[in-house]
Amino acid sequence: MNTMRKICLIATMAILFVGCTKTTFITPQPPIAGSELKINSTVGIKLQSPFVTSEVAMNVKSETAQTVTIKIFDISNRVVSKETMSVKAGDNIVKVYTSALPSSAYRIGLFDANNNMLAITDFNKI
């Protein structure tokens, strides 16, 4: 078994033992124009960096004010964390705390109230 598969297997087993943990999102200040969090489209999700340690800033952009769910998926496409929040139309800067997640590759997705995926992106917890 190659090293990458061993790491993936260990990460998956750790998640199974730890179970789902709630990731906390807090709403800080509005985005700064021209920052690394800027999203050009009307809807989207963008992380400040694809490499995350314990927290990362994220822009959640929506066409309308609505309730959305942010889901984090592990490499097996299982939801390991989810948070429902209200967003305003336009940019919404939030912090995602990931210290409870083991080091691995993840996807973070934005879903509307009907569970339609609006956007998705990848990140690596280091």
C-alpha atoms as a PDB file:
ATOM      1  CA  MET A   1       0.000   0.000   0.000  1.00  0.00           C
ATOM      2  CA  ASN A   2       1.539   3.321  -1.013  1.00  0.00           C
ATOM      3  CA  THR A   3       2.099   6.150   1.468  1.00  0.00           C
ATOM      4  CA  MET A   4      -0.776   8.318   0.194  1.00  0.00           C
ATOM      5  CA  ARG A   5      -3.275   5.491   0.599  1.00  0.00           C
ATOM      6  CA  LYS A   6      -2.011   4.824   4.127  1.00  0.00           C
ATOM      7  CA  ILE A   7      -2.437   8.497   5.007  1.00  0.00           C
ATOM      8  CA  CYS A   8      -5.955   8.520   3.519  1.00  0.00           C
ATOM      9  CA  LEU A   9      -6.874   5.338   5.391  1.00  0.00           C
ATOM     10  CA  ILE A  10      -5.546   6.708   8.690  1.00  0.00           C
ATOM     11  CA  ALA A  11      -7.363  10.028   8.175  1.00  0.00           C
ATOM     12  CA  THR A  12     -10.615   8.231   7.361  1.00  0.00           C
ATOM     13  CA  MET A  13     -10.320   5.984  10.416  1.00  0.00           C
ATOM     14  CA  ALA A  14      -9.571   8.993  12.628  1.00  0.00           C
ATOM     15  CA  ILE A  15     -12.700  10.720  11.367  1.00  0.00           C
ATOM     16  CA  LEU A  16     -14.774   7.610  12.068  1.00  0.00           C
ATOM     17  CA  PHE A  17     -13.474   7.483  15.639  1.00  0.00           C
ATOM     18  CA  VAL A  18     -13.798  11.201  16.262  1.00  0.00           C
ATOM     19  CA  GLY A  19     -17.207  11.440  14.615  1.00  0.00           C
ATOM     20  CA  CYS A  20     -18.741  14.583  13.232  1.00  0.00           C
ATOM     21  CA  THR A  21     -17.594  17.738  14.918  1.00  0.00           C
ATOM     22  CA  LYS A  22     -19.276  21.072  14.607  1.00  0.00           C
ATOM     23  CA  THR A  23     -17.192  23.715  12.885  1.00  0.00           C
ATOM     24  CA  THR A  24     -17.748  27.206  14.201  1.00  0.00           C
ATOM     25  CA  PHE A  25     -18.271  30.141  11.870  1.00  0.00           C
ATOM     26  CA  ILE A  26     -18.093  33.729  13.100  1.00  0.00           C
ATOM     27  CA  THR A  27     -18.915  36.775  11.047  1.00  0.00           C
ATOM     28  CA  PRO A  28     -16.174  39.416  11.082  1.00  0.00           C
ATOM     29  CA  GLN A  29     -15.924  42.595   8.973  1.00  0.00           C
ATOM     30  CA  PRO A  30     -16.910  43.092   5.324  1.00  0.00           C
ATOM     31  CA  PRO A  31     -14.380  42.185   2.632  1.00  0.00           C
ATOM     32  CA  ILE A  32     -11.763  44.620   1.425  1.00  0.00           C
ATOM     33  CA  ALA A  33     -11.967  45.346  -2.319  1.00  0.00           C
ATOM     34  CA  GLY A  34      -9.139  43.682  -4.216  1.00  0.00           C
ATOM     35  CA  SER A  35      -8.376  41.220  -1.429  1.00  0.00           C
ATOM     36  CA  GLU A  36      -7.647  37.525  -1.938  1.00  0.00           C
ATOM     37  CA  LEU A  37     -11.279  36.860  -0.897  1.00  0.00           C
ATOM     38  CA  LYS A  38     -12.846  38.734  -3.817  1.00  0.00           C
ATOM     39  CA  ILE A  39     -15.331  36.724  -5.899  1.00  0.00           C
ATOM     40  CA  ASN A  40     -16.157  38.082  -9.367  1.00  0.00           C
ATOM     41  CA  SER A  41     -19.320  36.026  -9.940  1.00  0.00           C
ATOM     42  CA  THR A  42     -22.675  36.660  -8.209  1.00  0.00           C
ATOM     43  CA  VAL A  43     -22.527  33.450  -6.136  1.00  0.00           C
ATOM     44  CA  GLY A  44     -19.535  31.610  -4.770  1.00  0.00           C
ATOM     45  CA  ILE A  45     -17.303  30.496  -1.976  1.00  0.00           C
ATOM     46  CA  LYS A  46     -13.607  31.358  -1.664  1.00  0.00           C
ATOM     47  CA  LEU A  47     -11.069  30.552   1.018  1.00  0.00           C
ATOM     48  CA  GLN A  48      -8.269  32.957   1.894  1.00  0.00           C
ATOM     49  CA  SER A  49      -5.808  30.094   1.373  1.00  0.00           C
ATOM     50  CA  PRO A  50      -6.100  26.480   0.187  1.00  0.00           C
ATOM     51  CA  PHE A  51      -3.746  25.467   3.026  1.00  0.00           C
ATOM     52  CA  VAL A  52      -5.361  25.682   6.453  1.00  0.00           C
ATOM     53  CA  THR A  53      -4.025  25.105   9.956  1.00  0.00           C
ATOM     54  CA  SER A  54      -6.578  25.964  12.665  1.00  0.00           C
ATOM     55  CA  GLU A  55      -8.678  28.659  10.975  1.00  0.00           C
ATOM     56  CA  VAL A  56      -9.181  30.395   7.648  1.00  0.00           C
ATOM     57  CA  ALA A  57     -11.185  33.376   6.412  1.00  0.00           C
ATOM     58  CA  MET A  58     -13.778  32.619   3.763  1.00  0.00           C
ATOM     59  CA  ASN A  59     -16.040  34.708   1.531  1.00  0.00           C
ATOM     60  CA  VAL A  60     -19.554  33.375   0.996  1.00  0.00           C
ATOM     61  CA  LYS A  61     -21.200  35.337  -1.808  1.00  0.00           C
ATOM     62  CA  SER A  62     -24.933  35.154  -2.421  1.00  0.00           C
ATOM     63  CA  GLU A  63     -27.326  36.795  -4.886  1.00  0.00           C
ATOM     64  CA  THR A  64     -29.972  37.217  -2.184  1.00  0.00           C
ATOM     65  CA  ALA A  65     -30.277  37.260   1.579  1.00  0.00           C
ATOM     66  CA  GLN A  66     -30.964  33.660   2.563  1.00  0.00           C
ATOM     67  CA  THR A  67     -30.158  30.786   4.883  1.00  0.00           C
ATOM     68  CA  VAL A  68     -27.292  28.635   3.612  1.00  0.00           C
ATOM     69  CA  THR A  69     -25.484  25.571   4.855  1.00  0.00           C
ATOM     70  CA  ILE A  70     -21.724  25.211   4.683  1.00  0.00           C
ATOM     71  CA  LYS A  71     -20.630  21.563   4.567  1.00  0.00           C
ATOM     72  CA  ILE A  72     -17.124  20.167   4.853  1.00  0.00           C
ATOM     73  CA  PHE A  73     -16.539  16.811   3.129  1.00  0.00           C
ATOM     74  CA  ASP A  74     -13.651  14.424   3.760  1.00  0.00           C
ATOM     75  CA  ILE A  75     -11.786  12.545   1.031  1.00  0.00           C
ATOM     76  CA  SER A  76     -14.492   9.854   1.037  1.00  0.00           C
ATOM     77  CA  ASN A  77     -17.111  12.556   0.318  1.00  0.00           C
ATOM     78  CA  ARG A  78     -18.681  12.186   3.770  1.00  0.00           C
ATOM     79  CA  VAL A  79     -19.900  15.277   5.595  1.00  0.00           C
ATOM     80  CA  VAL A  80     -17.607  15.805   8.602  1.00  0.00           C
ATOM     81  CA  SER A  81     -18.953  19.221   9.573  1.00  0.00           C
ATOM     82  CA  LYS A  82     -21.845  21.480   8.682  1.00  0.00           C
ATOM     83  CA  GLU A  83     -23.121  24.846   9.787  1.00  0.00           C
ATOM     84  CA  THR A  84     -26.287  26.702   8.817  1.00  0.00           C
ATOM     85  CA  MET A  85     -26.155  30.470   8.758  1.00  0.00           C
ATOM     86  CA  SER A  86     -27.960  33.510   7.395  1.00  0.00           C
ATOM     87  CA  VAL A  87     -26.173  35.523   4.733  1.00  0.00           C
ATOM     88  CA  LYS A  88     -26.925  38.873   3.182  1.00  0.00           C
ATOM     89  CA  ALA A  89     -26.900  39.554  -0.552  1.00  0.00           C
ATOM     90  CA  GLY A  90     -23.319  40.057  -1.713  1.00  0.00           C
ATOM     91  CA  ASP A  91     -20.124  39.243   0.170  1.00  0.00           C
ATOM     92  CA  ASN A  92     -20.167  37.637   3.624  1.00  0.00           C
ATOM     93  CA  ILE A  93     -16.780  37.130   5.277  1.00  0.00           C
ATOM     94  CA  VAL A  94     -16.709  34.371   7.896  1.00  0.00           C
ATOM     95  CA  LYS A  95     -13.974  32.488   9.733  1.00  0.00           C
ATOM     96  CA  VAL A  96     -13.896  28.723   9.573  1.00  0.00           C
ATOM     97  CA  TYR A  97     -12.247  26.981  12.522  1.00  0.00           C
ATOM     98  CA  THR A  98     -10.748  23.638  11.522  1.00  0.00           C
ATOM     99  CA  SER A  99      -8.662  22.628  14.537  1.00  0.00           C
ATOM    100  CA  ALA A 100     -10.962  19.643  15.203  1.00  0.00           C
ATOM    101  CA  LEU A 101     -10.251  18.194  11.750  1.00  0.00           C
ATOM    102  CA  PRO A 102      -7.295  15.859  11.199  1.00  0.00           C
ATOM    103  CA  SER A 103      -4.712  16.775   8.561  1.00  0.00           C
ATOM    104  CA  SER A 104      -6.099  15.756   5.165  1.00  0.00           C
ATOM    105  CA  ALA A 105      -7.694  17.051   1.960  1.00  0.00           C
ATOM    106  CA  TYR A 106     -11.261  18.397   2.212  1.00  0.00           C
ATOM    107  CA  ARG A 107     -13.985  20.033   0.146  1.00  0.00           C
ATOM    108  CA  ILE A 108     -16.127  22.837   1.462  1.00  0.00           C
ATOM    109  CA  GLY A 109     -19.482  23.457  -0.180  1.00  0.00           C
ATOM    110  CA  LEU A 110     -22.195  26.093  -0.076  1.00  0.00           C
ATOM    111  CA  PHE A 111     -25.817  24.874  -0.193  1.00  0.00           C
ATOM    112  CA  ASP A 112     -29.141  26.715  -0.268  1.00  0.00           C
ATOM    113  CA  ALA A 113     -32.196  25.887   1.881  1.00  0.00           C
ATOM    114  CA  ASN A 114     -33.280  23.216  -0.652  1.00  0.00           C
ATOM    115  CA  ASN A 115     -29.858  21.519  -0.417  1.00  0.00           C
ATOM    116  CA  ASN A 116     -28.867  22.690  -3.920  1.00  0.00           C
ATOM    117  CA  MET A 117     -25.118  23.115  -4.175  1.00  0.00           C
ATOM    118  CA  LEU A 118     -24.267  26.722  -5.022  1.00  0.00           C
ATOM    119  CA  ALA A 119     -20.465  26.450  -4.920  1.00  0.00           C
ATOM    120  CA  ILE A 120     -17.653  24.165  -3.804  1.00  0.00           C
ATOM    121  CA  THR A 121     -13.899  24.426  -3.316  1.00  0.00           C
ATOM    122  CA  ASP A 122     -11.034  22.328  -1.957  1.00  0.00           C
ATOM    123  CA  PHE A 123      -8.599  22.884   0.893  1.00  0.00           C
ATOM    124  CA  ASN A 124      -5.874  20.999   2.712  1.00  0.00           C
ATOM    125  CA  LYS A 125      -5.741  20.890   6.508  1.00  0.00           C
ATOM    126  CA  ILE A 126      -2.076  20.863   7.480  1.00  0.00           C
END
